[in-house]
Amino acid sequence: MERKASVLVMGLDPAVVDYSRTPVPGLTAEILTAALDAEKARLTALGYEVRMLYIDTGGTAETVTRDALAQGSYDCIVIGAGVRLAPHHFLLFEKIVNVVHANAPAATRICFNTRPDDTAEAVQRWA
């Protein structure tokens, strides 16, 4: 039996997103949460082992990420568009990339989605 690829999908907690600054028109915490839940279900149905990790905008993001990486090994790590694409999160993105680089040596791929609803496609490109 082939081992399922393990995926850590990390992004901003829907409760901390500044929806007035998001590039996705009409996005709300409810819509974001539903999209993330649907992508987790899609990835699971495709045969991946999935862990969702929601971080804040910087206060504990590095520690939470480091702790999650210490708790398991992942083949693929997705860093969500909300962390990467918003210019005001540039330093957060840089910090998260460095935490992943230093603490996830078994992760052979790092993936990037462009929206909450294309995470499965990002994973499928690389994992």
C-alpha atoms as a PDB file:
ATOM      1  CA  MET A   1       0.000   0.000   0.000  1.00  0.00           C
ATOM      2  CA  GLU A   2       1.362   3.390  -1.007  1.00  0.00           C
ATOM      3  CA  ARG A   3       1.820   5.931   1.765  1.00  0.00           C
ATOM      4  CA  LYS A   4      -0.358   9.008   1.481  1.00  0.00           C
ATOM      5  CA  ALA A   5       1.492  12.293   1.100  1.00  0.00           C
ATOM      6  CA  SER A   6       1.107  14.450   4.181  1.00  0.00           C
ATOM      7  CA  VAL A   7       0.240  18.087   3.667  1.00  0.00           C
ATOM      8  CA  LEU A   8       0.325  21.028   6.058  1.00  0.00           C
ATOM      9  CA  VAL A   9      -1.921  23.819   4.824  1.00  0.00           C
ATOM     10  CA  MET A  10      -1.172  27.001   6.685  1.00  0.00           C
ATOM     11  CA  GLY A  11      -2.715  30.404   6.453  1.00  0.00           C
ATOM     12  CA  LEU A  12      -4.232  33.235   8.364  1.00  0.00           C
ATOM     13  CA  ASP A  13      -6.928  32.370  10.847  1.00  0.00           C
ATOM     14  CA  PRO A  14     -10.200  33.636   9.336  1.00  0.00           C
ATOM     15  CA  ALA A  15     -10.827  35.478  12.624  1.00  0.00           C
ATOM     16  CA  VAL A  16      -7.755  37.718  12.156  1.00  0.00           C
ATOM     17  CA  VAL A  17      -8.052  38.594   8.473  1.00  0.00           C
ATOM     18  CA  ASP A  18      -8.622  42.265   7.709  1.00  0.00           C
ATOM     19  CA  TYR A  19     -11.379  41.790   5.117  1.00  0.00           C
ATOM     20  CA  SER A  20     -11.272  45.466   4.149  1.00  0.00           C
ATOM     21  CA  ARG A  21      -7.749  44.886   2.749  1.00  0.00           C
ATOM     22  CA  THR A  22      -8.227  41.559   0.995  1.00  0.00           C
ATOM     23  CA  PRO A  23      -8.000  41.420  -2.813  1.00  0.00           C
ATOM     24  CA  VAL A  24     -10.974  39.044  -2.934  1.00  0.00           C
ATOM     25  CA  PRO A  25     -14.184  41.101  -3.234  1.00  0.00           C
ATOM     26  CA  GLY A  26     -16.916  40.108  -0.807  1.00  0.00           C
ATOM     27  CA  LEU A  27     -14.738  37.749   1.231  1.00  0.00           C
ATOM     28  CA  THR A  28     -15.942  37.207   4.789  1.00  0.00           C
ATOM     29  CA  ALA A  29     -14.826  34.957   7.627  1.00  0.00           C
ATOM     30  CA  GLU A  30     -17.715  32.606   6.856  1.00  0.00           C
ATOM     31  CA  ILE A  31     -16.894  32.369   3.149  1.00  0.00           C
ATOM     32  CA  LEU A  32     -13.189  31.881   3.862  1.00  0.00           C
ATOM     33  CA  THR A  33     -13.852  29.188   6.474  1.00  0.00           C
ATOM     34  CA  ALA A  34     -16.198  27.334   4.115  1.00  0.00           C
ATOM     35  CA  ALA A  35     -13.640  27.473   1.291  1.00  0.00           C
ATOM     36  CA  LEU A  36     -10.841  26.201   3.518  1.00  0.00           C
ATOM     37  CA  ASP A  37     -13.021  23.380   4.851  1.00  0.00           C
ATOM     38  CA  ALA A  38     -13.973  22.417   1.293  1.00  0.00           C
ATOM     39  CA  GLU A  39     -10.325  22.346   0.192  1.00  0.00           C
ATOM     40  CA  LYS A  40      -9.388  20.153   3.151  1.00  0.00           C
ATOM     41  CA  ALA A  41     -12.188  17.762   2.194  1.00  0.00           C
ATOM     42  CA  ARG A  42     -11.041  17.794  -1.459  1.00  0.00           C
ATOM     43  CA  LEU A  43      -7.456  17.020  -0.539  1.00  0.00           C
ATOM     44  CA  THR A  44      -8.549  14.228   1.791  1.00  0.00           C
ATOM     45  CA  ALA A  45     -10.740  12.753  -0.956  1.00  0.00           C
ATOM     46  CA  LEU A  46      -7.720  12.863  -3.280  1.00  0.00           C
ATOM     47  CA  GLY A  47      -5.814  10.711  -0.807  1.00  0.00           C
ATOM     48  CA  TYR A  48      -3.709  13.225   1.094  1.00  0.00           C
ATOM     49  CA  GLU A  49      -3.285  13.367   4.852  1.00  0.00           C
ATOM     50  CA  VAL A  50      -4.108  16.996   5.658  1.00  0.00           C
ATOM     51  CA  ARG A  51      -3.522  19.223   8.640  1.00  0.00           C
ATOM     52  CA  MET A  52      -4.833  22.775   8.606  1.00  0.00           C
ATOM     53  CA  LEU A  53      -2.829  25.318  10.581  1.00  0.00           C
ATOM     54  CA  TYR A  54      -4.242  28.764  11.188  1.00  0.00           C
ATOM     55  CA  ILE A  55      -1.859  31.495  12.303  1.00  0.00           C
ATOM     56  CA  ASP A  56      -2.247  35.053  13.489  1.00  0.00           C
ATOM     57  CA  THR A  57      -0.735  38.105  11.832  1.00  0.00           C
ATOM     58  CA  GLY A  58       2.544  37.871  13.682  1.00  0.00           C
ATOM     59  CA  GLY A  59       2.237  37.735  17.445  1.00  0.00           C
ATOM     60  CA  THR A  60       2.516  33.964  17.738  1.00  0.00           C
ATOM     61  CA  ALA A  61       2.729  32.886  14.091  1.00  0.00           C
ATOM     62  CA  GLU A  62       6.348  31.773  14.190  1.00  0.00           C
ATOM     63  CA  THR A  63       5.947  29.800  17.409  1.00  0.00           C
ATOM     64  CA  VAL A  64       2.708  28.157  16.276  1.00  0.00           C
ATOM     65  CA  THR A  65       4.327  27.185  12.977  1.00  0.00           C
ATOM     66  CA  ARG A  66       7.467  25.854  14.658  1.00  0.00           C
ATOM     67  CA  ASP A  67       5.354  23.826  17.117  1.00  0.00           C
ATOM     68  CA  ALA A  68       3.245  22.339  14.322  1.00  0.00           C
ATOM     69  CA  LEU A  69       6.355  21.328  12.401  1.00  0.00           C
ATOM     70  CA  ALA A  70       7.796  19.693  15.529  1.00  0.00           C
ATOM     71  CA  GLN A  71       4.617  17.616  15.933  1.00  0.00           C
ATOM     72  CA  GLY A  72       4.773  15.919  12.558  1.00  0.00           C
ATOM     73  CA  SER A  73       6.563  15.464   9.292  1.00  0.00           C
ATOM     74  CA  TYR A  74       5.067  16.802   6.072  1.00  0.00           C
ATOM     75  CA  ASP A  75       5.827  16.036   2.451  1.00  0.00           C
ATOM     76  CA  CYS A  76       4.281  19.271   1.273  1.00  0.00           C
ATOM     77  CA  ILE A  77       3.606  22.593   2.956  1.00  0.00           C
ATOM     78  CA  VAL A  78       1.155  25.131   1.559  1.00  0.00           C
ATOM     79  CA  ILE A  79       1.592  28.753   2.582  1.00  0.00           C
ATOM     80  CA  GLY A  80      -1.669  30.503   1.877  1.00  0.00           C
ATOM     81  CA  ALA A  81      -2.225  33.495  -0.344  1.00  0.00           C
ATOM     82  CA  GLY A  82      -3.453  35.615   2.564  1.00  0.00           C
ATOM     83  CA  VAL A  83       0.018  35.433   4.101  1.00  0.00           C
ATOM     84  CA  ARG A  84       1.895  35.876   0.828  1.00  0.00           C
ATOM     85  CA  LEU A  85      -0.014  38.284  -1.350  1.00  0.00           C
ATOM     86  CA  ALA A  86      -0.897  41.117   1.004  1.00  0.00           C
ATOM     87  CA  PRO A  87       1.944  43.648   1.012  1.00  0.00           C
ATOM     88  CA  HIS A  88       1.288  44.419   4.687  1.00  0.00           C
ATOM     89  CA  HIS A  89       2.103  40.747   5.499  1.00  0.00           C
ATOM     90  CA  PHE A  90       5.462  40.728   3.707  1.00  0.00           C
ATOM     91  CA  LEU A  91       7.516  40.363   6.913  1.00  0.00           C
ATOM     92  CA  LEU A  92       5.158  37.683   8.215  1.00  0.00           C
ATOM     93  CA  PHE A  93       5.586  35.731   4.978  1.00  0.00           C
ATOM     94  CA  GLU A  94       9.362  36.051   5.183  1.00  0.00           C
ATOM     95  CA  LYS A  95       9.385  34.830   8.794  1.00  0.00           C
ATOM     96  CA  ILE A  96       7.117  31.862   8.014  1.00  0.00           C
ATOM     97  CA  VAL A  97       9.238  30.790   5.035  1.00  0.00           C
ATOM     98  CA  ASN A  98      12.329  30.841   7.235  1.00  0.00           C
ATOM     99  CA  VAL A  99      10.634  28.847  10.009  1.00  0.00           C
ATOM    100  CA  VAL A 100       9.514  26.250   7.451  1.00  0.00           C
ATOM    101  CA  HIS A 101      12.972  26.122   5.890  1.00  0.00           C
ATOM    102  CA  ALA A 102      14.676  25.600   9.257  1.00  0.00           C
ATOM    103  CA  ASN A 103      12.140  23.214  10.797  1.00  0.00           C
ATOM    104  CA  ALA A 104      10.738  21.053   8.006  1.00  0.00           C
ATOM    105  CA  PRO A 105      13.689  19.316   6.351  1.00  0.00           C
ATOM    106  CA  ALA A 106      11.515  16.387   5.215  1.00  0.00           C
ATOM    107  CA  ALA A 107       9.142  18.666   3.311  1.00  0.00           C
ATOM    108  CA  THR A 108      10.255  18.181  -0.258  1.00  0.00           C
ATOM    109  CA  ARG A 109       7.800  20.734  -1.628  1.00  0.00           C
ATOM    110  CA  ILE A 110       6.440  24.118  -0.652  1.00  0.00           C
ATOM    111  CA  CYS A 111       3.300  25.139  -2.504  1.00  0.00           C
ATOM    112  CA  PHE A 112       1.416  28.375  -2.899  1.00  0.00           C
ATOM    113  CA  ASN A 113      -2.269  28.786  -3.624  1.00  0.00           C
ATOM    114  CA  THR A 114      -3.696  31.936  -5.153  1.00  0.00           C
ATOM    115  CA  ARG A 115      -7.122  31.806  -3.503  1.00  0.00           C
ATOM    116  CA  PRO A 116      -8.719  29.820  -0.685  1.00  0.00           C
ATOM    117  CA  ASP A 117     -10.389  27.548  -3.249  1.00  0.00           C
ATOM    118  CA  ASP A 118      -7.364  26.454  -5.311  1.00  0.00           C
ATOM    119  CA  THR A 119      -5.288  24.792  -2.606  1.00  0.00           C
ATOM    120  CA  ALA A 120      -5.831  21.292  -4.000  1.00  0.00           C
ATOM    121  CA  GLU A 121      -4.471  22.388  -7.360  1.00  0.00           C
ATOM    122  CA  ALA A 122      -1.377  23.858  -5.703  1.00  0.00           C
ATOM    123  CA  VAL A 123      -0.729  20.586  -3.859  1.00  0.00           C
ATOM    124  CA  GLN A 124      -1.337  18.471  -6.944  1.00  0.00           C
ATOM    125  CA  ARG A 125       1.278  20.465  -8.877  1.00  0.00           C
ATOM    126  CA  TRP A 126       3.993  19.311  -6.492  1.00  0.00           C
ATOM    127  CA  ALA A 127       2.954  16.482  -4.147  1.00  0.00           C
END
